Structure formats: structure tokens, C-alpha cells
Amino acid sequence: MQISSSLSVSFDEVNTESFHILPNSNLSIVFRFLRPGDQSEVKTLCQDWFPIEYPDKWYDDIVQNKKYFALAACDTHTQNIVGIIVANILLLGHCNREDQQILNRNFTFTTSACYILTLGVIKQYRRQGLASILFENLLTTLTKYDTCKVIYLHVLFSNKQAIEFYESKLFQCRVHLPAYYLIKHEYLDAYCFARYINGGYPPYTFSGFLSNTWTCLMRANPCHLLYTIRNFVKNKFLDTNSYQRASSYKQISHII
């Protein structure tokens, strides 16, 4: 769980007074932000969805602290919460050390990143696009903050359903995190996935260089090819910046 300092962003400006009729059903959904009193219901949902328990303080924080984008999808008839997304914006320098490599070195540690802590939907409402609607609400909000260059999250390596979902939302697998989670006395790997927004882009890698080179060759654009080679050499071999990256507590995020 990311518990380091977050940026002060007003998410209250988001209009949540909208109804959605889920496809392939007659279910109608209304969206609202989490509020005091939701802790118990949200805790029950998270315990059902995720293999690691969040501390009670975390539930208090996400319903009270305005730094979180904590959006709930509720059944309009029962008013029960059927899905949530929780995210917050923080400086790259406040991200966990292992996550600071998701952005290109051209972006400083004062660049903003959005970390998705939780995204979940109850079983009866899955495969109807509700998770997509929750994520699109977050994405639409973040486009208003052009200093935020990336959305990222952690996912258990074996959670194929979540991986497929995020890949469909243009996320890229950026970092493999061996033995990242301790679940039932067993260390399990995780992946860090990232989606680049507002002009953000990943570090240059050799595989990415080959891919870009092939694309340039196919497009027969020699100027673009030379530009790609120059940037790759500059960032890979000529960058002598050896600053030490800061580290914070390990983040915990699970995606259903």
C-alpha cells in the first residue's frame, strides 16, 4: 500500500450524478464517492475480493481523506455498493523505489503519477462493463491534470483476468516484481502495469528500440529512424546522472 505523501487534488469536482444501465441486464447503477459510514461495507467487499487484508486505518482514510479518488458504483434499487475504484496522485519521487522506473528519465521526481490501489466488482455484476466504467471515470478526471503522466498498479502474476483487463485498457507490463506478495506464508510474484497519459512515456529499452526501428523502416522514414537512434543512444549510454532514488513502504494493490 502506498502510504507516502500524496498531492492535494480536489476530486470533488467530478460529477457523479449519472445513471448507467448495464448491458445484458436490467440493472441500473449510480456512482458516488465513498463517504464516512462505508467502511464496514467496503471492508467486507475487499475481504471477499483480495487475498491480503488492508489495515482498518486504510478504510478510514479512503472514505474521509479527499486525496483519494474513491468512487463507488451502487445498485440504484438497493443502494448497495457493487464496485469500487480507489486511486491517488503522488509525486514520482514518493513512489516505491521499484516503481520509479516506469517513466522515462526525462521526467523528474516532481512528475505526478496516479496509483490505483483497488479496483473490484462483485461477482454478480462482472463482465458487464462496470469495471471499465469505473476506470474511465478515473481516466477522464486525470486528463484534467496534465502534470499526471502515468497511471500504474500492481497485480498478482497469476491473475490472468486482471492482466487481460488492463492490457485491454492500454496498460503495459513494465516491471516484474519477484516475491512481492506474501500470501498464506508463500511469496508470490507481481507485475507493475502502467498506462501513459498526458504525454508521458516509458524508459527507452532495447526491445522498444528494435520495435521503433522496425516501424520506422516499414514507414520508410529515415529522419524518424535517425531521431530514434539518437534518443536511444543518449538515454542508454550517455546519461551519466547517478542520483539515488528514494524508497518508501511497499505498496499493496490487488485487482479483480
Protein backbone atom coordinates (compact mmCIF):
# COMPACT_ATOMS: atom_id res chain seq x y z
CA MET A 1 0.00 0.00 0.00
CA GLN A 2 1.32 3.44 -0.88
CA ILE A 3 1.27 5.47 2.33
CA SER A 4 3.72 8.22 1.41
CA SER A 5 2.71 11.81 0.71
CA SER A 6 0.11 12.45 -1.95
CA LEU A 7 -0.61 15.57 -3.93
CA SER A 8 -3.51 17.77 -2.96
CA VAL A 9 -6.07 17.25 -5.72
CA SER A 10 -9.76 18.07 -5.47
CA PHE A 11 -11.73 15.12 -6.77
CA ASP A 12 -14.98 16.67 -5.54
CA GLU A 13 -15.22 18.44 -8.87
CA VAL A 14 -16.08 15.16 -10.57
CA ASN A 15 -19.76 14.85 -11.47
CA THR A 16 -21.01 11.51 -10.23
CA GLU A 17 -24.72 12.19 -10.64
CA SER A 18 -25.16 9.79 -13.55
CA PHE A 19 -27.03 6.56 -14.08
CA HIS A 20 -25.97 3.62 -16.19
CA ILE A 21 -27.99 0.68 -17.37
CA LEU A 22 -25.67 -2.29 -17.59
CA PRO A 23 -25.81 -4.14 -20.91
CA ASN A 24 -27.35 -7.61 -21.00
CA SER A 25 -29.30 -6.84 -17.83
CA ASN A 26 -31.91 -4.51 -16.39
CA LEU A 27 -29.61 -3.39 -13.60
CA SER A 28 -29.14 0.34 -13.13
CA ILE A 29 -26.10 1.82 -11.43
CA VAL A 30 -25.41 5.19 -9.84
CA PHE A 31 -21.93 6.46 -8.96
CA ARG A 32 -20.87 8.35 -5.86
CA PHE A 33 -17.71 8.89 -3.84
CA LEU A 34 -17.13 6.83 -0.73
CA ARG A 35 -18.15 8.59 2.47
CA PRO A 36 -17.91 8.04 6.25
CA GLY A 37 -20.02 5.05 7.18
CA ASP A 38 -18.96 2.99 4.15
CA GLN A 39 -16.00 1.40 5.94
CA SER A 40 -17.74 -1.80 7.00
CA GLU A 41 -19.33 -2.46 3.62
CA VAL A 42 -16.11 -1.75 1.72
CA LYS A 43 -14.09 -3.92 4.10
CA THR A 44 -16.47 -6.85 3.54
CA LEU A 45 -16.10 -6.47 -0.24
CA CYS A 46 -12.30 -6.25 -0.12
CA GLN A 47 -12.04 -9.28 2.14
CA ASP A 48 -14.09 -11.22 -0.39
CA TRP A 49 -12.09 -9.97 -3.39
CA PHE A 50 -8.48 -9.85 -2.25
CA PRO A 51 -6.15 -12.36 -0.52
CA ILE A 52 -4.39 -9.73 1.64
CA GLU A 53 -6.13 -7.75 4.37
CA TYR A 54 -5.95 -3.97 4.40
CA PRO A 55 -5.49 -2.32 7.81
CA ASP A 56 -8.55 -0.67 9.34
CA LYS A 57 -6.89 2.74 9.06
CA TRP A 58 -6.85 2.36 5.28
CA TYR A 59 -10.64 2.02 5.18
CA ASP A 60 -10.97 5.14 7.32
CA ASP A 61 -8.60 7.03 5.04
CA ILE A 62 -10.30 6.25 1.74
CA VAL A 63 -13.74 7.36 2.95
CA GLN A 64 -12.54 10.53 4.69
CA ASN A 65 -9.39 11.81 3.02
CA LYS A 66 -10.10 13.82 -0.13
CA LYS A 67 -6.69 12.96 -1.59
CA TYR A 68 -8.18 9.66 -2.77
CA PHE A 69 -10.25 9.14 -5.88
CA ALA A 70 -12.55 6.65 -4.14
CA LEU A 71 -15.52 6.06 -6.43
CA ALA A 72 -18.30 3.58 -5.69
CA ALA A 73 -20.82 2.05 -8.07
CA CYS A 74 -24.13 1.40 -6.32
CA ASP A 75 -27.24 -0.50 -7.29
CA THR A 76 -29.95 2.14 -7.66
CA HIS A 77 -32.59 -0.10 -6.06
CA THR A 78 -30.71 -1.45 -3.03
CA GLN A 79 -28.10 1.33 -2.77
CA ASN A 80 -25.57 -1.41 -2.03
CA ILE A 81 -22.01 -0.87 -3.26
CA VAL A 82 -21.30 -3.27 -6.11
CA GLY A 83 -17.95 -1.93 -7.33
CA ILE A 84 -15.20 0.47 -6.28
CA ILE A 85 -12.06 2.07 -7.59
CA VAL A 86 -9.56 3.75 -5.28
CA ALA A 87 -6.59 5.73 -6.55
CA ASN A 88 -4.41 8.64 -5.55
CA ILE A 89 -1.97 11.01 -7.20
CA LEU A 90 1.57 11.25 -5.87
CA LEU A 91 4.96 12.50 -6.95
CA LEU A 92 7.18 10.03 -8.76
CA GLY A 93 9.80 10.58 -6.08
CA HIS A 94 7.31 9.34 -3.48
CA CYS A 95 6.56 6.13 -5.34
CA ASN A 96 8.16 2.91 -4.17
CA ARG A 97 11.70 2.61 -5.47
CA GLU A 98 10.84 -0.36 -7.69
CA ASP A 99 8.09 1.67 -9.37
CA GLN A 100 10.10 4.80 -10.13
CA GLN A 101 11.44 3.27 -13.34
CA ILE A 102 8.04 3.29 -15.09
CA LEU A 103 8.63 6.77 -16.54
CA ASN A 104 11.42 7.90 -18.83
CA ARG A 105 14.35 9.67 -17.14
CA ASN A 106 13.34 12.85 -18.90
CA PHE A 107 10.61 13.12 -16.25
CA THR A 108 11.83 14.35 -12.87
CA PHE A 109 10.82 13.09 -9.45
CA THR A 110 8.39 16.02 -9.22
CA THR A 111 6.29 14.49 -12.02
CA SER A 112 2.88 13.25 -10.91
CA ALA A 113 1.77 9.62 -11.14
CA CYS A 114 -1.57 8.03 -10.33
CA TYR A 115 -1.55 4.79 -8.37
CA ILE A 116 -4.60 2.51 -8.45
CA LEU A 117 -4.85 0.85 -5.05
CA THR A 118 -8.03 -1.11 -5.64
CA LEU A 119 -10.48 -1.90 -8.41
CA GLY A 120 -13.15 -4.53 -7.79
CA VAL A 121 -16.67 -5.54 -8.78
CA ILE A 122 -18.88 -8.08 -7.04
CA LYS A 123 -19.29 -11.36 -8.86
CA GLN A 124 -22.91 -10.87 -9.96
CA TYR A 125 -22.05 -7.62 -11.75
CA ARG A 126 -18.90 -8.69 -13.55
CA ARG A 127 -18.46 -8.96 -17.33
CA GLN A 128 -20.96 -6.18 -17.90
CA GLY A 129 -18.51 -3.33 -18.36
CA LEU A 130 -18.76 -1.93 -14.84
CA ALA A 131 -15.02 -2.12 -14.14
CA SER A 132 -14.43 -0.30 -17.44
CA ILE A 133 -16.85 2.47 -16.46
CA LEU A 134 -15.14 2.91 -13.09
CA PHE A 135 -11.73 3.12 -14.75
CA GLU A 136 -12.96 5.53 -17.45
CA ASN A 137 -14.24 7.86 -14.72
CA LEU A 138 -10.74 7.96 -13.26
CA LEU A 139 -9.11 8.39 -16.66
CA THR A 140 -11.44 11.26 -17.59
CA THR A 141 -10.62 13.01 -14.32
CA LEU A 142 -6.86 12.62 -14.79
CA THR A 143 -6.90 14.23 -18.22
CA LYS A 144 -7.73 17.48 -16.40
CA TYR A 145 -4.39 17.27 -14.55
CA ASP A 146 -1.83 17.41 -17.36
CA THR A 147 1.05 17.07 -14.90
CA CYS A 148 0.00 13.45 -14.24
CA LYS A 149 1.88 11.36 -16.81
CA VAL A 150 1.16 7.77 -15.88
CA ILE A 151 -1.39 5.51 -14.17
CA TYR A 152 0.09 2.40 -12.58
CA LEU A 153 -0.83 -0.53 -10.37
CA HIS A 154 0.37 -3.88 -9.09
CA VAL A 155 -1.23 -7.18 -9.99
CA LEU A 156 -0.57 -10.74 -8.89
CA PHE A 157 1.29 -12.62 -11.62
CA SER A 158 -1.35 -15.38 -11.69
CA ASN A 159 -4.34 -13.03 -12.01
CA LYS A 160 -4.86 -13.59 -15.73
CA GLN A 161 -8.29 -11.97 -15.75
CA ALA A 162 -6.94 -8.71 -14.32
CA ILE A 163 -3.94 -8.76 -16.68
CA GLU A 164 -6.19 -9.19 -19.70
CA PHE A 165 -8.44 -6.39 -18.48
CA TYR A 166 -5.61 -3.92 -18.07
CA GLU A 167 -3.98 -4.83 -21.33
CA SER A 168 -7.32 -4.07 -22.99
CA LYS A 169 -7.10 -0.62 -21.37
CA LEU A 170 -3.70 0.02 -22.99
CA PHE A 171 -1.64 -0.75 -19.88
CA GLN A 172 1.85 -2.13 -20.40
CA CYS A 173 3.67 -4.58 -18.18
CA ARG A 174 6.69 -2.54 -17.09
CA VAL A 175 8.26 -4.25 -14.07
CA HIS A 176 8.43 -7.85 -12.85
CA LEU A 177 8.47 -7.95 -9.06
CA PRO A 178 9.71 -11.33 -7.74
CA ALA A 179 8.37 -12.46 -4.34
CA TYR A 180 6.44 -9.19 -3.99
CA TYR A 181 3.43 -10.54 -2.08
CA LEU A 182 3.35 -12.78 0.97
CA ILE A 183 0.06 -14.70 0.81
CA LYS A 184 -0.64 -17.60 3.15
CA HIS A 185 3.05 -17.95 4.01
CA GLU A 186 4.03 -18.10 0.34
CA TYR A 187 5.93 -15.45 -1.58
CA LEU A 188 4.35 -14.71 -4.97
CA ASP A 189 5.47 -12.58 -7.90
CA ALA A 190 3.70 -9.47 -9.11
CA TYR A 191 3.78 -7.20 -12.12
CA CYS A 192 3.68 -3.43 -12.28
CA PHE A 193 1.43 -2.28 -15.13
CA ALA A 194 1.41 1.28 -16.43
CA ARG A 195 -0.67 3.35 -18.82
CA TYR A 196 0.86 6.55 -20.12
CA ILE A 197 -1.27 9.69 -20.35
CA ASN A 198 -0.88 13.42 -20.95
CA GLY A 199 2.34 12.98 -22.93
CA GLY A 200 4.02 10.54 -20.55
CA TYR A 201 6.16 7.73 -21.98
CA PRO A 202 8.24 4.81 -20.70
CA PRO A 203 12.01 4.43 -20.47
CA TYR A 204 13.87 3.52 -23.63
CA THR A 205 14.65 -0.18 -23.81
CA PHE A 206 16.49 -2.26 -26.38
CA SER A 207 13.32 -4.18 -27.30
CA GLY A 208 11.44 -0.91 -27.65
CA PHE A 209 14.27 0.46 -29.75
CA LEU A 210 14.09 -2.54 -32.12
CA SER A 211 10.32 -2.19 -32.34
CA ASN A 212 10.52 1.53 -33.14
CA THR A 213 13.32 0.92 -35.64
CA TRP A 214 11.29 -1.71 -37.45
CA THR A 215 8.27 0.61 -37.52
CA CYS A 216 10.40 3.40 -38.98
CA LEU A 217 11.83 1.10 -41.63
CA MET A 218 8.36 -0.08 -42.59
CA ARG A 219 7.27 3.52 -42.91
CA ALA A 220 10.43 4.39 -44.88
CA ASN A 221 11.02 7.46 -42.75
CA PRO A 222 14.83 7.88 -42.39
CA CYS A 223 14.58 11.11 -40.39
CA HIS A 224 12.39 9.47 -37.75
CA LEU A 225 14.76 6.48 -37.69
CA LEU A 226 17.81 8.68 -37.04
CA TYR A 227 15.90 10.54 -34.31
CA THR A 228 15.01 7.25 -32.61
CA ILE A 229 18.64 6.04 -32.74
CA ARG A 230 19.91 9.31 -31.33
CA ASN A 231 17.50 9.26 -28.39
CA PHE A 232 18.21 5.62 -27.63
CA VAL A 233 21.99 6.18 -27.56
CA LYS A 234 21.63 9.36 -25.49
CA ASN A 235 19.39 7.82 -22.85
CA LYS A 236 21.02 4.40 -22.73
CA PHE A 237 24.73 5.21 -22.91
CA LEU A 238 25.34 8.92 -22.44
CA ASP A 239 23.19 9.66 -19.41
CA THR A 240 25.60 9.98 -16.51
CA ASN A 241 23.05 11.04 -13.92
CA SER A 242 23.62 8.72 -10.98
CA TYR A 243 21.17 10.14 -8.45
CA GLN A 244 19.94 7.80 -5.75
CA ARG A 245 16.21 7.07 -5.89
CA ALA A 246 14.16 7.28 -2.72
CA SER A 247 12.29 4.29 -1.35
CA SER A 248 9.08 4.08 0.63
CA TYR A 249 6.91 1.36 2.04
CA LYS A 250 5.80 -1.48 -0.18
CA GLN A 251 2.52 -0.86 -1.93
CA ILE A 252 -0.31 -3.35 -1.85
CA SER A 253 -2.79 -3.38 -4.69
CA HIS A 254 -4.90 -6.22 -5.97
CA ILE A 255 -7.14 -6.13 -8.97
CA ILE A 256 -10.15 -8.37 -9.61
